[in-house]
């Protein structure tokens, strides 16, 4: 069965997510920004969600992790939790 490992940054607004994505594009460290800005408890670990299988995360999140390019920052992705920037570290 497929598995993936991803990290994310969760914020309240699309604007904030887009601002952070721009900072990452200019060379800011994803993990540092996650520690500073993410509303998810995973922020303390640089946004690391560890390994999970399809169906363990909400659908919009799963769609990015299991379908989009690995090691690229995707988003903002809207879920009931807020807006995510998602970086898939690996997928099997």
Protein backbone atom coordinates (compact mmCIF):
# COMPACT_ATOMS: atom_id res chain seq x y z
CA UNK A 1 0.00 0.00 0.00
CA UNK A 2 1.14 3.54 -0.75
CA UNK A 3 2.72 5.63 1.98
CA UNK A 4 4.01 9.17 2.07
CA UNK A 5 5.83 11.53 4.38
CA UNK A 6 4.98 15.21 4.28
CA UNK A 7 5.37 18.43 6.17
CA UNK A 8 3.03 21.38 6.08
CA UNK A 9 2.40 24.88 7.33
CA UNK A 10 -1.16 25.64 8.46
CA UNK A 11 -2.37 29.24 8.63
CA UNK A 12 -5.75 30.99 8.88
CA UNK A 13 -5.79 32.94 5.60
CA UNK A 14 -4.96 32.36 1.96
CA UNK A 15 -3.01 35.65 1.95
CA UNK A 16 -0.76 34.48 4.78
CA UNK A 17 -0.15 31.15 3.02
CA UNK A 18 0.76 32.95 -0.21
CA UNK A 19 3.11 35.30 1.63
CA UNK A 20 4.92 32.36 3.25
CA UNK A 21 5.09 30.54 -0.10
CA UNK A 22 6.80 33.60 -1.62
CA UNK A 23 9.33 33.62 1.23
CA UNK A 24 10.08 29.93 0.59
CA UNK A 25 10.48 30.62 -3.14
CA UNK A 26 13.08 33.27 -2.21
CA UNK A 27 15.02 30.74 -0.15
CA UNK A 28 13.41 30.84 3.31
CA UNK A 29 13.57 27.54 5.23
CA UNK A 30 10.25 25.63 5.18
CA UNK A 31 10.83 24.08 8.63
CA UNK A 32 11.74 27.43 10.23
CA UNK A 33 8.60 29.06 8.84
CA UNK A 34 6.51 26.12 10.06
CA UNK A 35 7.93 26.53 13.58
CA UNK A 36 7.12 30.26 13.56
CA UNK A 37 3.77 30.36 11.77
CA UNK A 38 2.00 26.99 11.65
CA UNK A 39 -1.16 26.63 13.75
CA UNK A 40 -0.82 22.83 13.70
CA UNK A 41 0.92 21.08 16.63
CA UNK A 42 3.29 19.63 13.98
CA UNK A 43 4.73 23.14 13.62
CA UNK A 44 6.98 22.43 16.62
CA UNK A 45 8.62 19.70 14.51
CA UNK A 46 9.04 21.97 11.49
CA UNK A 47 5.65 20.90 10.14
CA UNK A 48 6.63 17.22 9.95
CA UNK A 49 3.55 14.96 9.84
CA UNK A 50 5.55 11.75 9.62
CA UNK A 51 4.49 8.83 7.45
CA UNK A 52 0.85 8.16 6.58
CA UNK A 53 -1.32 6.28 4.10
CA UNK A 54 -4.04 7.52 1.72
CA UNK A 55 -7.24 8.27 3.61
CA UNK A 56 -5.59 9.26 6.89
CA UNK A 57 -5.67 12.97 6.01
CA UNK A 58 -8.55 15.03 4.63
CA UNK A 59 -9.13 14.52 0.89
CA UNK A 60 -7.78 17.87 -0.33
CA UNK A 61 -4.55 17.19 1.59
CA UNK A 62 -4.30 13.59 0.34
CA UNK A 63 -4.80 14.73 -3.27
CA UNK A 64 -1.69 16.91 -3.06
CA UNK A 65 0.49 14.43 -1.17
CA UNK A 66 -0.34 11.40 -3.31
CA UNK A 67 -0.68 13.09 -6.74
CA UNK A 68 1.56 16.17 -7.00
CA UNK A 69 5.32 16.47 -7.42
CA UNK A 70 7.51 15.47 -4.47
CA UNK A 71 9.83 18.03 -2.79
CA UNK A 72 7.90 21.00 -4.18
CA UNK A 73 5.78 23.34 -2.06
CA UNK A 74 2.11 23.11 -3.06
CA UNK A 75 -0.74 25.33 -1.98
CA UNK A 76 -2.41 27.20 -0.53
CA UNK A 77 -4.70 24.19 -0.11
CA UNK A 78 -7.96 24.95 1.72
CA UNK A 79 -9.39 22.49 4.25
CA UNK A 80 -11.73 22.86 7.21
CA UNK A 81 -8.61 23.60 9.31
CA UNK A 82 -7.40 26.58 7.27
CA UNK A 83 -4.88 26.99 4.45
CA UNK A 84 -1.93 24.64 4.05
CA UNK A 85 1.38 24.78 2.27
CA UNK A 86 2.33 21.15 1.71
CA UNK A 87 5.69 19.63 0.89
CA UNK A 88 5.77 15.87 0.25
CA UNK A 89 9.17 14.51 1.30
CA UNK A 90 8.75 11.06 -0.23
CA UNK A 91 6.10 8.67 -1.47
CA UNK A 92 6.19 4.90 -1.96
